[in-house]
Amino acid sequence: MTTRRKYLNFTTPWGVDLARVTQSGWSSFLLHESGYQPALDDWNHQGVDSPFWRFYHNPKPGCHLRFQGRDIPLDPDSCVLIPSDTVFDCVGPVAACHLWLHFTVSRPGGSIKPAPVVIPMDDALQVLARTVIHTHLQPGSDARDHRLLHQSTALLHAAFARLDAPPLPSMPDRLLQVLALIHRAPHSDLSNPFLAASAGMSVERFIRSFREHTGQTPAAYVTATRIRLAEESLALSDKSVDQIAVQCGFPNRHYFSRVFAKQVGCGPAEFRARQRDRKGM
């Protein structure tokens, strides 16, 4: 006999309904790497840039970042969030005691400039950072790596909870579905008529609503998303440029390279070589 479920509501009158915040705020993080080294020699890397975000925390002082001529200390009392496409230098006059996370945010809740953001390490962040470091010091195993995934993600959430960023207004469900479609299937037909039909709107109304909620036209958003996904694939996979062009929705390598160079400032092959040459942590 099937037991009838008694509690079907996702929310109650006594809690805080977070669905609206989830729709308008930061999406979940895709964590690429969690790392810790107690003494990295020659931690000097010029012109570090990446299609992904970085989290840095140094439990011991002595090293710093240099961004647009400004030195940003890395010390026990702070951590630094570095948005994607931020160009900076790692400066290590001493061996770097360094904790880092590499991750992707698919839809940030607000406008974040490409510049390092310094966040004070309060008690909660200190505990989470020490927990991640402690796990890194354990023998490698699948169980250890699963713990690192959850602990590192918790550390990111704690850091972003302290990030002073203006939230986006709540987005209608039909537009959220369109954004999910763009990220899930960049290779598909993402023309304005197709996306408008997916949202159940006229083309004119869809373009107007999309711009109102994202600050971009649908075409600009689609191109930016395809380029960002291409950057990730170039940096994190061994797929050929031709394969990446197709999977990201470009008709051929030549057109992909032209659009990529216009958006990024260099061609896909040069971008990949630059990423592999610059492995600053």
Protein backbone atom coordinates (compact mmCIF):
# COMPACT_ATOMS: atom_id res chain seq x y z
CA MET A 1 0.00 0.00 0.00
CA THR A 2 1.41 3.37 -1.03
CA THR A 3 1.84 5.81 1.83
CA ARG A 4 0.31 9.17 1.12
CA ARG A 5 2.79 11.99 1.55
CA LYS A 6 1.66 14.62 4.03
CA TYR A 7 4.02 17.48 3.25
CA LEU A 8 3.97 18.63 -0.37
CA ASN A 9 4.74 22.34 0.00
CA PHE A 10 8.34 23.37 -0.64
CA THR A 11 7.97 26.36 1.66
CA THR A 12 6.28 27.15 4.96
CA PRO A 13 4.98 30.37 6.53
CA TRP A 14 7.85 30.27 9.04
CA GLY A 15 10.88 30.02 6.76
CA VAL A 16 12.43 32.29 4.14
CA ASP A 17 11.39 31.52 0.58
CA LEU A 18 14.68 31.42 -1.34
CA ALA A 19 13.30 30.42 -4.73
CA ARG A 20 13.13 34.09 -5.79
CA VAL A 21 16.73 34.61 -4.67
CA THR A 22 17.85 31.50 -6.55
CA GLN A 23 16.24 32.85 -9.72
CA SER A 24 17.78 36.29 -9.45
CA GLY A 25 21.09 35.63 -7.72
CA TRP A 26 24.24 33.58 -8.21
CA SER A 27 23.85 30.20 -9.83
CA SER A 28 25.63 27.16 -8.45
CA PHE A 29 29.39 26.94 -8.89
CA LEU A 30 31.10 24.50 -11.20
CA LEU A 31 34.31 23.72 -9.31
CA HIS A 32 37.26 22.82 -11.55
CA GLU A 33 40.13 22.55 -9.08
CA SER A 34 40.89 22.83 -5.38
CA GLY A 35 44.55 23.13 -4.43
CA TYR A 36 46.81 23.76 -1.47
CA GLN A 37 50.58 23.94 -1.24
CA PRO A 38 52.42 25.00 1.94
CA ALA A 39 55.50 26.36 0.11
CA LEU A 40 55.31 27.04 -3.62
CA ASP A 41 58.72 28.15 -4.90
CA ASP A 42 58.98 30.93 -7.49
CA TRP A 43 55.31 31.93 -7.35
CA ASN A 44 55.86 34.62 -9.95
CA HIS A 45 53.54 34.64 -12.96
CA GLN A 46 52.92 37.64 -15.20
CA GLY A 47 49.73 38.28 -17.13
CA VAL A 48 47.65 35.50 -15.59
CA ASP A 49 44.18 35.40 -17.14
CA SER A 50 41.52 32.70 -17.35
CA PRO A 51 37.99 32.05 -18.58
CA PHE A 52 37.19 30.86 -15.05
CA TRP A 53 37.07 32.48 -11.59
CA ARG A 54 39.70 32.04 -8.88
CA PHE A 55 39.62 32.09 -5.06
CA TYR A 56 42.94 32.78 -3.32
CA HIS A 57 43.87 32.63 0.35
CA ASN A 58 47.38 32.56 1.82
CA PRO A 59 47.61 31.41 5.47
CA LYS A 60 51.07 32.99 5.65
CA PRO A 61 51.96 36.55 4.50
CA GLY A 62 54.63 37.60 2.03
CA CYS A 63 53.08 37.26 -1.43
CA HIS A 64 50.72 39.53 -3.31
CA LEU A 65 48.83 40.11 -6.54
CA ARG A 66 49.52 43.05 -8.82
CA PHE A 67 46.55 44.46 -10.69
CA GLN A 68 46.79 47.59 -12.85
CA GLY A 69 49.81 48.80 -10.89
CA ARG A 70 48.21 48.16 -7.48
CA ASP A 71 49.59 45.56 -5.06
CA ILE A 72 47.00 43.39 -3.29
CA PRO A 73 48.49 41.50 -0.31
CA LEU A 74 47.65 37.84 0.21
CA ASP A 75 47.64 37.26 3.95
CA PRO A 76 45.88 35.26 6.71
CA ASP A 77 43.29 37.99 7.30
CA SER A 78 41.78 38.09 3.81
CA CYS A 79 40.83 36.10 0.75
CA VAL A 80 40.51 37.28 -2.84
CA LEU A 81 37.89 36.49 -5.48
CA ILE A 82 39.16 37.01 -9.03
CA PRO A 83 36.47 37.12 -11.74
CA SER A 84 37.03 35.49 -15.12
CA ASP A 85 38.97 37.48 -17.73
CA THR A 86 40.85 39.47 -15.06
CA VAL A 87 44.50 39.96 -15.99
CA PHE A 88 46.90 40.13 -13.04
CA ASP A 89 50.40 39.17 -11.85
CA CYS A 90 51.31 36.73 -9.08
CA VAL A 91 54.24 38.11 -7.07
CA GLY A 92 56.08 35.73 -4.74
CA PRO A 93 59.20 37.16 -3.14
CA VAL A 94 58.95 34.26 -0.66
CA ALA A 95 57.63 30.70 -0.94
CA ALA A 96 53.85 30.90 -1.20
CA CYS A 97 51.67 29.13 1.36
CA HIS A 98 48.70 29.09 -0.97
CA LEU A 99 45.10 27.81 -1.09
CA TRP A 100 43.30 28.22 -4.41
CA LEU A 101 40.03 27.27 -6.10
CA HIS A 102 39.27 27.45 -9.82
CA PHE A 103 35.57 27.56 -10.68
CA THR A 104 32.92 28.83 -13.09
CA VAL A 105 29.82 30.88 -12.36
CA SER A 106 27.34 30.53 -15.20
CA ARG A 107 25.09 33.48 -14.32
CA PRO A 108 26.35 36.03 -11.80
CA GLY A 109 23.77 37.94 -9.78
CA GLY A 110 24.86 41.44 -10.65
CA SER A 111 27.50 43.29 -12.60
CA ILE A 112 31.01 42.27 -11.51
CA LYS A 113 33.94 44.08 -13.05
CA PRO A 114 37.07 42.09 -14.02
CA ALA A 115 39.07 43.08 -10.94
CA PRO A 116 40.19 41.21 -7.78
CA VAL A 117 37.80 41.56 -4.84
CA VAL A 118 39.34 41.42 -1.35
CA ILE A 119 37.13 39.86 1.36
CA PRO A 120 38.04 39.89 5.07
CA MET A 121 38.39 36.43 6.60
CA ASP A 122 35.85 36.25 9.43
CA ASP A 123 35.62 33.28 11.82
CA ALA A 124 33.40 31.22 9.51
CA LEU A 125 35.69 31.67 6.51
CA GLN A 126 38.73 30.85 8.64
CA VAL A 127 37.15 27.59 9.82
CA LEU A 128 36.12 26.58 6.30
CA ALA A 129 39.55 27.40 4.84
CA ARG A 130 41.31 25.42 7.57
CA THR A 131 38.94 22.50 6.93
CA VAL A 132 39.76 22.48 3.21
CA ILE A 133 43.49 22.67 3.94
CA HIS A 134 43.24 19.84 6.48
CA THR A 135 41.48 17.66 3.89
CA HIS A 136 44.16 18.43 1.30
CA LEU A 137 46.75 17.07 3.73
CA GLN A 138 44.98 13.69 3.95
CA PRO A 139 46.04 10.77 1.73
CA GLY A 140 44.49 10.91 -1.72
CA SER A 141 41.33 8.84 -2.27
CA ASP A 142 37.92 9.15 -3.91
CA ALA A 143 36.38 9.79 -0.49
CA ARG A 144 38.91 12.56 0.19
CA ASP A 145 38.15 14.18 -3.16
CA HIS A 146 34.38 14.08 -2.52
CA ARG A 147 34.94 15.84 0.79
CA LEU A 148 37.10 18.43 -0.95
CA LEU A 149 34.35 19.11 -3.48
CA HIS A 150 31.73 19.81 -0.81
CA GLN A 151 34.06 21.68 1.53
CA SER A 152 35.51 23.85 -1.26
CA THR A 153 32.02 24.67 -2.53
CA ALA A 154 30.96 25.62 1.01
CA LEU A 155 33.99 27.92 1.21
CA LEU A 156 32.95 29.60 -2.05
CA HIS A 157 29.39 30.08 -0.86
CA ALA A 158 30.67 31.63 2.36
CA ALA A 159 32.92 34.00 0.42
CA PHE A 160 30.18 35.01 -2.02
CA ALA A 161 27.80 35.60 0.89
CA ARG A 162 30.14 38.46 1.84
CA LEU A 163 30.42 39.83 -1.69
CA ASP A 164 28.84 43.24 -2.06
CA ALA A 165 27.15 42.92 -5.45
CA PRO A 166 23.83 44.37 -6.58
CA PRO A 167 21.30 41.59 -7.19
CA LEU A 168 19.46 41.24 -10.45
CA PRO A 169 15.68 41.58 -10.40
CA SER A 170 13.74 38.32 -10.34
CA MET A 171 13.54 36.85 -13.81
CA PRO A 172 10.35 35.33 -15.26
CA ASP A 173 10.35 31.55 -15.48
CA ARG A 174 10.03 31.64 -19.27
CA LEU A 175 13.26 33.67 -19.56
CA LEU A 176 15.05 31.40 -17.09
CA GLN A 177 14.13 28.49 -19.33
CA VAL A 178 15.58 30.35 -22.33
CA LEU A 179 18.85 31.00 -20.45
CA ALA A 180 19.04 27.33 -19.48
CA LEU A 181 18.49 26.36 -23.13
CA ILE A 182 21.29 28.68 -24.29
CA HIS A 183 23.75 27.22 -21.77
CA ARG A 184 22.64 23.63 -22.33
CA ALA A 185 22.60 23.64 -26.13
CA PRO A 186 24.84 26.39 -27.54
CA HIS A 187 25.17 24.39 -30.77
CA SER A 188 21.43 24.63 -31.55
CA ASP A 189 19.39 27.27 -33.41
CA LEU A 190 19.39 30.21 -31.00
CA SER A 191 17.93 32.83 -33.30
CA ASN A 192 15.55 35.43 -31.90
CA PRO A 193 12.46 33.83 -33.50
CA PHE A 194 13.35 30.40 -32.05
CA LEU A 195 14.08 31.74 -28.57
CA ALA A 196 10.98 33.92 -28.63
CA ALA A 197 8.85 30.92 -29.55
CA SER A 198 10.49 28.90 -26.74
CA ALA A 199 9.48 31.68 -24.33
CA GLY A 200 5.96 31.90 -25.76
CA MET A 201 6.40 35.56 -26.76
CA SER A 202 6.42 37.63 -29.88
CA VAL A 203 9.91 38.45 -31.13
CA GLU A 204 9.56 42.15 -30.26
CA ARG A 205 8.29 41.48 -26.75
CA PHE A 206 10.94 38.81 -26.17
CA ILE A 207 13.84 41.09 -27.17
CA ARG A 208 12.48 43.90 -25.00
CA SER A 209 11.99 41.64 -21.96
CA PHE A 210 15.35 39.90 -22.42
CA ARG A 211 17.21 43.21 -22.54
CA GLU A 212 15.31 44.48 -19.50
CA HIS A 213 16.32 41.48 -17.36
CA THR A 214 19.85 40.78 -18.61
CA GLY A 215 21.08 44.14 -19.87
CA GLN A 216 21.92 42.57 -23.26
CA THR A 217 20.17 41.71 -26.49
CA PRO A 218 19.53 37.97 -26.97
CA ALA A 219 22.06 37.86 -29.83
CA ALA A 220 24.80 39.49 -27.71
CA TYR A 221 24.06 37.15 -24.81
CA VAL A 222 24.17 34.07 -27.06
CA THR A 223 27.49 35.12 -28.59
CA ALA A 224 29.02 35.91 -25.17
CA THR A 225 27.84 32.55 -23.80
CA ARG A 226 29.22 30.63 -26.78
CA ILE A 227 32.58 32.39 -26.47
CA ARG A 228 32.75 31.77 -22.71
CA LEU A 229 31.99 28.08 -23.19
CA ALA A 230 34.59 27.95 -25.95
CA GLU A 231 37.16 29.55 -23.63
CA GLU A 232 36.46 26.92 -20.99
CA SER A 233 36.79 24.10 -23.49
CA LEU A 234 40.02 25.51 -24.93
CA ALA A 235 41.51 25.86 -21.45
CA LEU A 236 40.22 22.65 -19.89
CA SER A 237 40.03 20.07 -22.70
CA ASP A 238 42.12 18.66 -25.55
CA LYS A 239 39.35 18.97 -28.16
CA SER A 240 40.39 20.46 -31.47
CA VAL A 241 39.46 24.01 -32.41
CA ASP A 242 37.16 22.59 -35.12
CA GLN A 243 35.35 20.40 -32.56
CA ILE A 244 34.95 23.31 -30.15
CA ALA A 245 33.61 25.55 -32.92
CA VAL A 246 30.88 23.03 -33.75
CA GLN A 247 29.93 22.23 -30.15
CA CYS A 248 29.63 25.94 -29.34
CA GLY A 249 27.36 26.72 -32.28
CA PHE A 250 29.69 28.24 -34.87
CA PRO A 251 29.27 27.07 -38.48
CA ASN A 252 32.99 26.65 -39.14
CA ARG A 253 36.43 27.26 -37.67
CA HIS A 254 37.06 30.38 -39.76
CA TYR A 255 33.94 32.17 -38.51
CA PHE A 256 34.56 30.96 -34.95
CA SER A 257 38.13 32.29 -35.01
CA ARG A 258 36.99 35.66 -36.32
CA VAL A 259 34.29 36.11 -33.66
CA PHE A 260 36.58 34.76 -30.93
CA ALA A 261 39.39 37.18 -31.84
CA LYS A 262 36.96 40.11 -31.87
CA GLN A 263 35.62 39.20 -28.41
CA VAL A 264 38.81 37.98 -26.70
CA GLY A 265 41.59 39.83 -28.51
CA CYS A 266 43.38 36.78 -29.94
CA GLY A 267 42.54 33.64 -31.89
CA PRO A 268 41.49 30.32 -30.27
CA ALA A 269 44.86 28.62 -30.87
CA GLU A 270 46.78 31.53 -29.35
CA PHE A 271 44.36 31.65 -26.41
CA ARG A 272 44.91 27.93 -25.71
CA ALA A 273 48.69 28.29 -25.93
CA ARG A 274 48.59 31.29 -23.62
CA GLN A 275 46.49 29.39 -21.07
CA ARG A 276 48.90 26.47 -21.07
CA ASP A 277 51.92 28.75 -20.77
CA ARG A 278 50.42 30.64 -17.84
CA LYS A 279 49.69 28.16 -15.14
CA GLY A 280 49.85 30.63 -12.28
CA MET A 281 47.88 29.32 -9.31
